[in-house]
PDB file of all heavy atoms in Angstrom:
ATOM      1  N   GLY A   1       1.555  21.205  -5.475  1.00  0.00           N
ATOM      2  CA  GLY A   1       1.209  22.400  -4.721  1.00  0.00           C
ATOM      3  C   GLY A   1       1.658  22.343  -3.280  1.00  0.00           C
ATOM      4  O   GLY A   1       2.180  21.330  -2.811  1.00  0.00           O
ATOM      5  N   PHE A   2       1.439  23.484  -2.602  1.00  0.00           N
ATOM      6  CA  PHE A   2       1.804  23.644  -1.205  1.00  0.00           C
ATOM      7  C   PHE A   2       0.673  24.339  -0.464  1.00  0.00           C
ATOM      8  O   PHE A   2      -0.092  25.084  -1.055  1.00  0.00           O
ATOM      9  CB  PHE A   2       3.039  24.554  -1.048  1.00  0.00           C
ATOM     10  CG  PHE A   2       4.206  24.174  -1.883  1.00  0.00           C
ATOM     11  CD1 PHE A   2       4.437  24.789  -3.111  1.00  0.00           C
ATOM     12  CD2 PHE A   2       5.100  23.215  -1.444  1.00  0.00           C
ATOM     13  CE1 PHE A   2       5.529  24.456  -3.881  1.00  0.00           C
ATOM     14  CE2 PHE A   2       6.197  22.870  -2.210  1.00  0.00           C
ATOM     15  CZ  PHE A   2       6.413  23.488  -3.432  1.00  0.00           C
ATOM     16  N   VAL A   3       0.633  24.131   0.838  1.00  0.00           N
ATOM     17  CA  VAL A   3      -0.296  24.852   1.694  1.00  0.00           C
ATOM     18  C   VAL A   3       0.377  24.992   3.062  1.00  0.00           C
ATOM     19  O   VAL A   3       1.124  24.109   3.480  1.00  0.00           O
ATOM     20  CB  VAL A   3      -1.676  24.144   1.769  1.00  0.00           C
ATOM     21  CG1 VAL A   3      -1.579  22.773   2.371  1.00  0.00           C
ATOM     22  CG2 VAL A   3      -2.699  24.990   2.456  1.00  0.00           C
ATOM     23  N   PHE A   4       0.127  26.126   3.733  1.00  0.00           N
ATOM     24  CA  PHE A   4       0.790  26.409   4.999  1.00  0.00           C
ATOM     25  C   PHE A   4      -0.217  26.904   6.024  1.00  0.00           C
ATOM     26  O   PHE A   4      -1.228  27.508   5.682  1.00  0.00           O
ATOM     27  CB  PHE A   4       1.858  27.507   4.814  1.00  0.00           C
ATOM     28  CG  PHE A   4       2.794  27.223   3.688  1.00  0.00           C
ATOM     29  CD1 PHE A   4       2.623  27.833   2.457  1.00  0.00           C
ATOM     30  CD2 PHE A   4       3.842  26.346   3.857  1.00  0.00           C
ATOM     31  CE1 PHE A   4       3.473  27.573   1.409  1.00  0.00           C
ATOM     32  CE2 PHE A   4       4.706  26.071   2.813  1.00  0.00           C
ATOM     33  CZ  PHE A   4       4.521  26.688   1.589  1.00  0.00           C
ATOM     34  N   ASP A   5       0.127  26.685   7.293  1.00  0.00           N
ATOM     35  CA  ASP A   5      -0.659  27.240   8.387  1.00  0.00           C
ATOM     36  C   ASP A   5       0.156  27.110   9.662  1.00  0.00           C
ATOM     37  O   ASP A   5       1.326  26.725   9.613  1.00  0.00           O
ATOM     38  CB  ASP A   5      -2.014  26.538   8.524  1.00  0.00           C
ATOM     39  CG  ASP A   5      -3.120  27.496   8.966  1.00  0.00           C
ATOM     40  OD1 ASP A   5      -2.867  28.294   9.895  1.00  0.00           O
ATOM     41  OD2 ASP A   5      -4.216  27.444   8.395  1.00  0.00           O
ATOM     42  N   ALA A   6      -0.458  27.413  10.790  1.00  0.00           N
ATOM     43  CA  ALA A   6       0.206  27.307  12.086  1.00  0.00           C
ATOM     44  C   ALA A   6      -0.789  26.800  13.113  1.00  0.00           C
ATOM     45  O   ALA A   6      -2.002  27.009  12.978  1.00  0.00           O
ATOM     46  CB  ALA A   6       0.756  28.666  12.512  1.00  0.00           C
ATOM     47  N   ILE A   7      -0.281  26.109  14.121  1.00  0.00           N
ATOM     48  CA  ILE A   7      -1.101  25.655  15.237  1.00  0.00           C
ATOM     49  C   ILE A   7      -0.428  26.085  16.536  1.00  0.00           C
ATOM     50  O   ILE A   7       0.756  26.423  16.558  1.00  0.00           O
ATOM     51  CB  ILE A   7      -1.312  24.123  15.232  1.00  0.00           C
ATOM     52  CG1 ILE A   7       0.027  23.376  15.267  1.00  0.00           C
ATOM     53  CG2 ILE A   7      -2.151  23.702  14.054  1.00  0.00           C
ATOM     54  CD1 ILE A   7      -0.109  21.870  15.412  1.00  0.00           C
ATOM     55  N   LYS A   8      -1.205  26.060  17.613  1.00  0.00           N
ATOM     56  CA  LYS A   8      -0.678  26.445  18.921  1.00  0.00           C
ATOM     57  C   LYS A   8       0.105  25.291  19.538  1.00  0.00           C
ATOM     58  O   LYS A   8      -0.365  24.148  19.526  1.00  0.00           O
ATOM     59  CB  LYS A   8      -1.822  26.816  19.862  1.00  0.00           C
ATOM     60  CG  LYS A   8      -2.594  28.027  19.429  1.00  0.00           C
ATOM     61  CD  LYS A   8      -3.751  28.279  20.382  1.00  0.00           C
ATOM     62  CE  LYS A   8      -4.637  29.341  19.791  1.00  0.00           C
ATOM     63  NZ  LYS A   8      -6.029  28.963  19.759  1.00  0.00           N
ATOM     64  N   VAL A   9       1.272  25.598  20.064  1.00  0.00           N
ATOM     65  CA  VAL A   9       2.026  24.606  20.821  1.00  0.00           C
ATOM     66  C   VAL A   9       1.252  24.328  22.103  1.00  0.00           C
ATOM     67  O   VAL A   9       0.804  25.259  22.776  1.00  0.00           O
ATOM     68  CB  VAL A   9       3.458  25.107  21.115  1.00  0.00           C
ATOM     69  CG1 VAL A   9       4.200  24.141  22.033  1.00  0.00           C
ATOM     70  CG2 VAL A   9       4.228  25.315  19.820  1.00  0.00           C
ATOM     71  N   THR A  10       1.035  23.070  22.409  1.00  0.00           N
ATOM     72  CA  THR A  10       0.215  22.550  23.518  1.00  0.00           C
ATOM     73  C   THR A  10      -1.266  22.896  23.360  1.00  0.00           C
ATOM     74  O   THR A  10      -2.027  22.779  24.316  1.00  0.00           O
ATOM     75  CB  THR A  10       0.707  23.012  24.925  1.00  0.00           C
ATOM     76  OG1 THR A  10       0.458  24.404  25.080  1.00  0.00           O
ATOM     77  CG2 THR A  10       2.154  22.680  25.154  1.00  0.00           C
ATOM     78  N   GLY A  11      -1.682  23.271  22.153  1.00  0.00           N
ATOM     79  CA  GLY A  11      -3.076  23.641  21.914  1.00  0.00           C
ATOM     80  C   GLY A  11      -3.937  22.443  21.577  1.00  0.00           C
ATOM     81  O   GLY A  11      -3.567  21.292  21.770  1.00  0.00           O
ATOM     82  N   ASP A  12      -5.105  22.751  21.003  1.00  0.00           N
ATOM     83  CA  ASP A  12      -6.027  21.705  20.565  1.00  0.00           C
ATOM     84  C   ASP A  12      -6.633  22.055  19.206  1.00  0.00           C
ATOM     85  O   ASP A  12      -7.756  21.677  18.903  1.00  0.00           O
ATOM     86  CB  ASP A  12      -7.119  21.472  21.609  1.00  0.00           C
ATOM     87  CG  ASP A  12      -7.962  22.711  21.878  1.00  0.00           C
ATOM     88  OD1 ASP A  12      -7.699  23.767  21.266  1.00  0.00           O
ATOM     89  OD2 ASP A  12      -8.893  22.617  22.687  1.00  0.00           O
ATOM     90  N   ASP A  13      -5.846  22.747  18.391  1.00  0.00           N
ATOM     91  CA  ASP A  13      -6.349  23.232  17.101  1.00  0.00           C
ATOM     92  C   ASP A  13      -5.796  22.493  15.888  1.00  0.00           C
ATOM     93  O   ASP A  13      -6.066  22.879  14.759  1.00  0.00           O
ATOM     94  CB  ASP A  13      -6.073  24.729  16.965  1.00  0.00           C
ATOM     95  CG  ASP A  13      -4.595  25.083  17.096  1.00  0.00           C
ATOM     96  OD1 ASP A  13      -3.822  24.259  17.630  1.00  0.00           O
ATOM     97  OD2 ASP A  13      -4.214  26.186  16.671  1.00  0.00           O
ATOM     98  N   SER A  14      -5.057  21.403  16.089  1.00  0.00           N
ATOM     99  CA  SER A  14      -4.443  20.725  14.940  1.00  0.00           C
ATOM    100  C   SER A  14      -5.478  20.137  13.991  1.00  0.00           C
ATOM    101  O   SER A  14      -5.350  20.262  12.776  1.00  0.00           O
ATOM    102  CB  SER A  14      -3.460  19.649  15.397  1.00  0.00           C
ATOM    103  OG  SER A  14      -4.112  18.637  16.124  1.00  0.00           O
ATOM    104  N   THR A  15      -6.520  19.521  14.521  1.00  0.00           N
ATOM    105  CA  THR A  15      -7.530  18.897  13.661  1.00  0.00           C
ATOM    106  C   THR A  15      -8.227  19.939  12.792  1.00  0.00           C
ATOM    107  O   THR A  15      -8.337  19.770  11.567  1.00  0.00           O
ATOM    108  CB  THR A  15      -8.550  18.121  14.517  1.00  0.00           C
ATOM    109  OG1 THR A  15      -7.850  17.100  15.240  1.00  0.00           O
ATOM    110  CG2 THR A  15      -9.626  17.488  13.654  1.00  0.00           C
ATOM    111  N   ASP A  16      -8.691  21.030  13.392  1.00  0.00           N
ATOM    112  CA  ASP A  16      -9.379  22.077  12.632  1.00  0.00           C
ATOM    113  C   ASP A  16      -8.453  22.733  11.610  1.00  0.00           C
ATOM    114  O   ASP A  16      -8.869  23.039  10.491  1.00  0.00           O
ATOM    115  CB  ASP A  16      -9.951  23.142  13.565  1.00  0.00           C
ATOM    116  CG  ASP A  16     -11.122  22.626  14.383  1.00  0.00           C
ATOM    117  OD1 ASP A  16     -11.764  21.642  13.960  1.00  0.00           O
ATOM    118  OD2 ASP A  16     -11.393  23.208  15.451  1.00  0.00           O
ATOM    119  N   THR A  17      -7.197  22.937  11.988  1.00  0.00           N
ATOM    120  CA  THR A  17      -6.250  23.572  11.064  1.00  0.00           C
ATOM    121  C   THR A  17      -5.949  22.654   9.889  1.00  0.00           C
ATOM    122  O   THR A  17      -5.908  23.101   8.740  1.00  0.00           O
ATOM    123  CB  THR A  17      -4.957  23.953  11.813  1.00  0.00           C
ATOM    124  OG1 THR A  17      -5.293  24.829  12.891  1.00  0.00           O
ATOM    125  CG2 THR A  17      -3.971  24.637  10.882  1.00  0.00           C
ATOM    126  N   ILE A  18      -5.767  21.375  10.150  1.00  0.00           N
ATOM    127  CA  ILE A  18      -5.515  20.424   9.062  1.00  0.00           C
ATOM    128  C   ILE A  18      -6.727  20.341   8.141  1.00  0.00           C
ATOM    129  O   ILE A  18      -6.581  20.297   6.912  1.00  0.00           O
ATOM    130  CB  ILE A  18      -5.103  19.049   9.621  1.00  0.00           C
ATOM    131  CG1 ILE A  18      -3.696  19.157  10.227  1.00  0.00           C
ATOM    132  CG2 ILE A  18      -5.158  17.974   8.537  1.00  0.00           C
ATOM    133  CD1 ILE A  18      -3.257  17.936  11.021  1.00  0.00           C
ATOM    134  N   LEU A  19      -7.924  20.360   8.710  1.00  0.00           N
ATOM    135  CA  LEU A  19      -9.135  20.380   7.870  1.00  0.00           C
ATOM    136  C   LEU A  19      -9.142  21.603   6.963  1.00  0.00           C
ATOM    137  O   LEU A  19      -9.444  21.500   5.767  1.00  0.00           O
ATOM    138  CB  LEU A  19     -10.392  20.368   8.740  1.00  0.00           C
ATOM    139  CG  LEU A  19     -10.863  19.015   9.210  1.00  0.00           C
ATOM    140  CD1 LEU A  19     -11.923  19.158  10.301  1.00  0.00           C
ATOM    141  CD2 LEU A  19     -11.388  18.200   8.045  1.00  0.00           C
ATOM    142  N   LYS A  20      -8.814  22.756   7.513  1.00  0.00           N
ATOM    143  CA  LYS A  20      -8.774  23.989   6.719  1.00  0.00           C
ATOM    144  C   LYS A  20      -7.731  23.874   5.601  1.00  0.00           C
ATOM    145  O   LYS A  20      -7.997  24.261   4.449  1.00  0.00           O
ATOM    146  CB  LYS A  20      -8.471  25.177   7.623  1.00  0.00           C
ATOM    147  CG  LYS A  20      -8.492  26.515   6.896  1.00  0.00           C
ATOM    148  CD  LYS A  20      -8.359  27.668   7.868  1.00  0.00           C
ATOM    149  CE  LYS A  20      -6.932  27.781   8.332  1.00  0.00           C
ATOM    150  NZ  LYS A  20      -6.637  28.999   9.082  1.00  0.00           N
ATOM    151  N   MET A  21      -6.574  23.328   5.909  1.00  0.00           N
ATOM    152  CA  MET A  21      -5.522  23.166   4.900  1.00  0.00           C
ATOM    153  C   MET A  21      -5.991  22.239   3.777  1.00  0.00           C
ATOM    154  O   MET A  21      -5.772  22.520   2.599  1.00  0.00           O
ATOM    155  CB  MET A  21      -4.248  22.604   5.541  1.00  0.00           C
ATOM    156  CG  MET A  21      -3.572  23.561   6.501  1.00  0.00           C
ATOM    157  SD  MET A  21      -2.233  22.785   7.444  1.00  0.00           S
ATOM    158  CE  MET A  21      -0.951  22.674   6.173  1.00  0.00           C
ATOM    159  N   CYS A  22      -6.650  21.163   4.152  1.00  0.00           N
ATOM    160  CA  CYS A  22      -7.111  20.191   3.152  1.00  0.00           C
ATOM    161  C   CYS A  22      -8.245  20.742   2.297  1.00  0.00           C
ATOM    162  O   CYS A  22      -8.339  20.440   1.102  1.00  0.00           O
ATOM    163  CB  CYS A  22      -7.562  18.907   3.839  1.00  0.00           C
ATOM    164  SG  CYS A  22      -6.220  18.020   4.647  1.00  0.00           S
ATOM    165  N   ARG A  23      -9.091  21.550   2.887  1.00  0.00           N
ATOM    166  CA  ARG A  23     -10.229  22.106   2.137  1.00  0.00           C
ATOM    167  C   ARG A  23      -9.795  23.149   1.115  1.00  0.00           C
ATOM    168  O   ARG A  23     -10.574  23.532   0.250  1.00  0.00           O
ATOM    169  CB  ARG A  23     -11.253  22.685   3.105  1.00  0.00           C
ATOM    170  CG  ARG A  23     -12.027  21.603   3.816  1.00  0.00           C
ATOM    171  CD  ARG A  23     -13.106  22.147   4.704  1.00  0.00           C
ATOM    172  NE  ARG A  23     -13.896  21.049   5.253  1.00  0.00           N
ATOM    173  CZ  ARG A  23     -14.210  20.935   6.526  1.00  0.00           C
ATOM    174  NH1 ARG A  23     -13.830  21.856   7.399  1.00  0.00           N
ATOM    175  NH2 ARG A  23     -14.918  19.913   6.940  1.00  0.00           N
ATOM    176  N   SER A  24      -8.541  23.605   1.217  1.00  0.00           N
ATOM    177  CA  SER A  24      -8.051  24.550   0.213  1.00  0.00           C
ATOM    178  C   SER A  24      -7.832  23.864  -1.139  1.00  0.00           C
ATOM    179  O   SER A  24      -7.678  24.534  -2.147  1.00  0.00           O
ATOM    180  CB  SER A  24      -6.748  25.208   0.689  1.00  0.00           C
ATOM    181  OG  SER A  24      -5.680  24.276   0.681  1.00  0.00           O
ATOM    182  N   ARG A  25      -7.836  22.543  -1.137  1.00  0.00           N
ATOM    183  CA  ARG A  25      -7.698  21.761  -2.366  1.00  0.00           C
ATOM    184  C   ARG A  25      -8.789  20.709  -2.387  1.00  0.00           C
ATOM    185  O   ARG A  25      -8.822  19.834  -1.533  1.00  0.00           O
ATOM    186  CB  ARG A  25      -6.336  21.066  -2.404  1.00  0.00           C
ATOM    187  CG  ARG A  25      -5.156  21.957  -2.622  1.00  0.00           C
ATOM    188  CD  ARG A  25      -5.089  22.494  -4.048  1.00  0.00           C
ATOM    189  NE  ARG A  25      -4.940  21.469  -5.023  1.00  0.00           N
ATOM    190  CZ  ARG A  25      -3.834  21.245  -5.716  1.00  0.00           C
ATOM    191  NH1 ARG A  25      -2.769  21.988  -5.504  1.00  0.00           N
ATOM    192  NH2 ARG A  25      -3.784  20.297  -6.607  1.00  0.00           N
ATOM    193  N   CYS A  26      -9.674  20.783  -3.356  1.00  0.00           N
ATOM    194  CA  CYS A  26     -10.779  19.829  -3.412  1.00  0.00           C
ATOM    195  C   CYS A  26     -10.417  18.554  -4.165  1.00  0.00           C
ATOM    196  O   CYS A  26     -11.228  17.641  -4.257  1.00  0.00           O
ATOM    197  CB  CYS A  26     -12.007  20.476  -4.040  1.00  0.00           C
ATOM    198  SG  CYS A  26     -11.734  21.019  -5.737  1.00  0.00           S
ATOM    199  N   ASP A  27      -9.190  18.487  -4.701  1.00  0.00           N
ATOM    200  CA  ASP A  27      -8.821  17.347  -5.529  1.00  0.00           C
ATOM    201  C   ASP A  27      -7.932  16.329  -4.832  1.00  0.00           C
ATOM    202  O   ASP A  27      -7.366  15.456  -5.475  1.00  0.00           O
ATOM    203  CB  ASP A  27      -8.135  17.831  -6.810  1.00  0.00           C
ATOM    204  CG  ASP A  27      -6.865  18.630  -6.544  1.00  0.00           C
ATOM    205  OD1 ASP A  27      -6.630  19.038  -5.387  1.00  0.00           O
ATOM    206  OD2 ASP A  27      -6.101  18.857  -7.502  1.00  0.00           O
ATOM    207  N   VAL A  28      -7.820  16.383  -3.494  1.00  0.00           N
ATOM    208  CA  VAL A  28      -6.988  15.403  -2.805  1.00  0.00           C
ATOM    209  C   VAL A  28      -7.810  14.173  -2.438  1.00  0.00           C
ATOM    210  O   VAL A  28      -8.989  14.273  -2.090  1.00  0.00           O
ATOM    211  CB  VAL A  28      -6.280  15.990  -1.560  1.00  0.00           C
ATOM    212  CG1 VAL A  28      -5.295  17.065  -1.967  1.00  0.00           C
ATOM    213  CG2 VAL A  28      -7.248  16.500  -0.539  1.00  0.00           C
ATOM    214  N   SER A  29      -7.173  13.012  -2.542  1.00  0.00           N
ATOM    215  CA  SER A  29      -7.841  11.738  -2.281  1.00  0.00           C
ATOM    216  C   SER A  29      -7.456  11.115  -0.955  1.00  0.00           C
ATOM    217  O   SER A  29      -8.033  10.111  -0.553  1.00  0.00           O
ATOM    218  CB  SER A  29      -7.512  10.742  -3.397  1.00  0.00           C
ATOM    219  OG  SER A  29      -7.982  11.223  -4.631  1.00  0.00           O
ATOM    220  N   TYR A  30      -6.450  11.661  -0.291  1.00  0.00           N
ATOM    221  CA  TYR A  30      -6.035  11.158   1.013  1.00  0.00           C
ATOM    222  C   TYR A  30      -5.205  12.218   1.729  1.00  0.00           C
ATOM    223  O   TYR A  30      -4.716  13.159   1.115  1.00  0.00           O
ATOM    224  CB  TYR A  30      -5.247   9.847   0.911  1.00  0.00           C
ATOM    225  CG  TYR A  30      -3.986   9.947   0.098  1.00  0.00           C
ATOM    226  CD1 TYR A  30      -2.770  10.314   0.694  1.00  0.00           C
ATOM    227  CD2 TYR A  30      -3.981   9.662  -1.265  1.00  0.00           C
ATOM    228  CE1 TYR A  30      -1.603  10.414  -0.047  1.00  0.00           C
ATOM    229  CE2 TYR A  30      -2.821   9.754  -2.005  1.00  0.00           C
ATOM    230  CZ  TYR A  30      -1.642  10.123  -1.395  1.00  0.00           C
ATOM    231  OH  TYR A  30      -0.486  10.226  -2.129  1.00  0.00           O
ATOM    232  N   VAL A  31      -5.062  12.033   3.042  1.00  0.00           N
ATOM    233  CA  VAL A  31      -4.268  12.927   3.885  1.00  0.00           C
ATOM    234  C   VAL A  31      -3.289  12.063   4.668  1.00  0.00           C
ATOM    235  O   VAL A  31      -3.667  11.007   5.187  1.00  0.00           O
ATOM    236  CB  VAL A  31      -5.151  13.706   4.883  1.00  0.00           C
ATOM    237  CG1 VAL A  31      -4.292  14.597   5.786  1.00  0.00           C
ATOM    238  CG2 VAL A  31      -6.212  14.518   4.168  1.00  0.00           C
ATOM    239  N   ILE A  32      -2.043  12.523   4.753  1.00  0.00           N
ATOM    240  CA  ILE A  32      -1.044  11.880   5.610  1.00  0.00           C
ATOM    241  C   ILE A  32      -0.453  12.950   6.508  1.00  0.00           C
ATOM    242  O   ILE A  32      -0.083  14.023   6.024  1.00  0.00           O
ATOM    243  CB  ILE A  32       0.084  11.217   4.798  1.00  0.00           C
ATOM    244  CG1 ILE A  32      -0.458  10.172   3.833  1.00  0.00           C
ATOM    245  CG2 ILE A  32       1.115  10.583   5.739  1.00  0.00           C
ATOM    246  CD1 ILE A  32       0.606   9.560   2.917  1.00  0.00           C
ATOM    247  N   THR A  33      -0.384  12.669   7.799  1.00  0.00           N
ATOM    248  CA  THR A  33       0.297  13.582   8.712  1.00  0.00           C
ATOM    249  C   THR A  33       1.499  12.863   9.306  1.00  0.00           C
ATOM    250  O   THR A  33       1.471  11.640   9.495  1.00  0.00           O
ATOM    251  CB  THR A  33      -0.616  14.059   9.863  1.00  0.00           C
ATOM    252  OG1 THR A  33      -0.987  12.949  10.678  1.00  0.00           O
ATOM    253  CG2 THR A  33      -1.849  14.759   9.320  1.00  0.00           C
ATOM    254  N   TRP A  34       2.555  13.631   9.579  1.00  0.00           N
ATOM    255  CA  TRP A  34       3.708  13.062  10.256  1.00  0.00           C
ATOM    256  C   TRP A  34       3.440  13.180  11.754  1.00  0.00           C
ATOM    257  O   TRP A  34       3.713  14.185  12.377  1.00  0.00           O
ATOM    258  CB  TRP A  34       4.990  13.780   9.849  1.00  0.00           C
ATOM    259  CG  TRP A  34       6.217  13.195  10.487  1.00  0.00           C
ATOM    260  CD1 TRP A  34       7.009  13.805  11.415  1.00  0.00           C
ATOM    261  CD2 TRP A  34       6.784  11.907  10.264  1.00  0.00           C
ATOM    262  NE1 TRP A  34       8.032  12.956  11.773  1.00  0.00           N
ATOM    263  CE2 TRP A  34       7.923  11.787  11.088  1.00  0.00           C
ATOM    264  CE3 TRP A  34       6.432  10.828   9.449  1.00  0.00           C
ATOM    265  CZ2 TRP A  34       8.717  10.643  11.117  1.00  0.00           C
ATOM    266  CZ3 TRP A  34       7.232   9.688   9.479  1.00  0.00           C
ATOM    267  CH2 TRP A  34       8.350   9.606  10.303  1.00  0.00           C
ATOM    268  N   GLY A  35       2.811  12.145  12.279  1.00  0.00           N
ATOM    269  CA  GLY A  35       2.489  12.080  13.691  1.00  0.00           C
ATOM    270  C   GLY A  35       1.020  12.287  13.972  1.00  0.00           C
ATOM    271  O   GLY A  35       0.307  12.937  13.201  1.00  0.00           O
ATOM    272  N   SER A  36       0.572  11.702  15.062  1.00  0.00           N
ATOM    273  CA  SER A  36      -0.796  11.905  15.532  1.00  0.00           C
ATOM    274  C   SER A  36      -0.826  12.876  16.708  1.00  0.00           C
ATOM    275  O   SER A  36      -1.892  13.329  17.108  1.00  0.00           O
ATOM    276  CB  SER A  36      -1.436  10.571  15.933  1.00  0.00           C
ATOM    277  OG  SER A  36      -0.654   9.941  16.936  1.00  0.00           O
ATOM    278  N   ILE A  37       0.342  13.179  17.253  1.00  0.00           N
ATOM    279  CA  ILE A  37       0.461  14.165  18.325  1.00  0.00           C
ATOM    280  C   ILE A  37       1.482  15.190  17.860  1.00  0.00           C
ATOM    281  O   ILE A  37       2.660  14.882  17.692  1.00  0.00           O
ATOM    282  CB  ILE A  37       0.919  13.527  19.650  1.00  0.00           C
ATOM    283  CG1 ILE A  37      -0.040  12.415  20.077  1.00  0.00           C
ATOM    284  CG2 ILE A  37       1.027  14.596  20.733  1.00  0.00           C
ATOM    285  CD1 ILE A  37       0.422  11.648  21.300  1.00  0.00           C
ATOM    286  N   LEU A  38       1.018  16.405  17.631  1.00  0.00           N
ATOM    287  CA  LEU A  38       1.887  17.483  17.168  1.00  0.00           C
ATOM    288  C   LEU A  38       2.117  18.478  18.299  1.00  0.00           C
ATOM    289  O   LEU A  38       1.337  18.532  19.256  1.00  0.00           O
ATOM    290  CB  LEU A  38       1.246  18.193  15.967  1.00  0.00           C
ATOM    291  CG  LEU A  38       0.848  17.330  14.775  1.00  0.00           C
ATOM    292  CD1 LEU A  38       0.170  18.180  13.707  1.00  0.00           C
ATOM    293  CD2 LEU A  38       2.043  16.589  14.205  1.00  0.00           C
TER     294      LEU A  38
END
């Protein structure tokens, strides 16, 4: 599957947005992000 969203450049919404993306699928066992600073 796929999931999409957007965050603000220089914002502080990446954590909340990633949480929302992950909650769209209850069957995931881990999360990987490319980078800790987006």
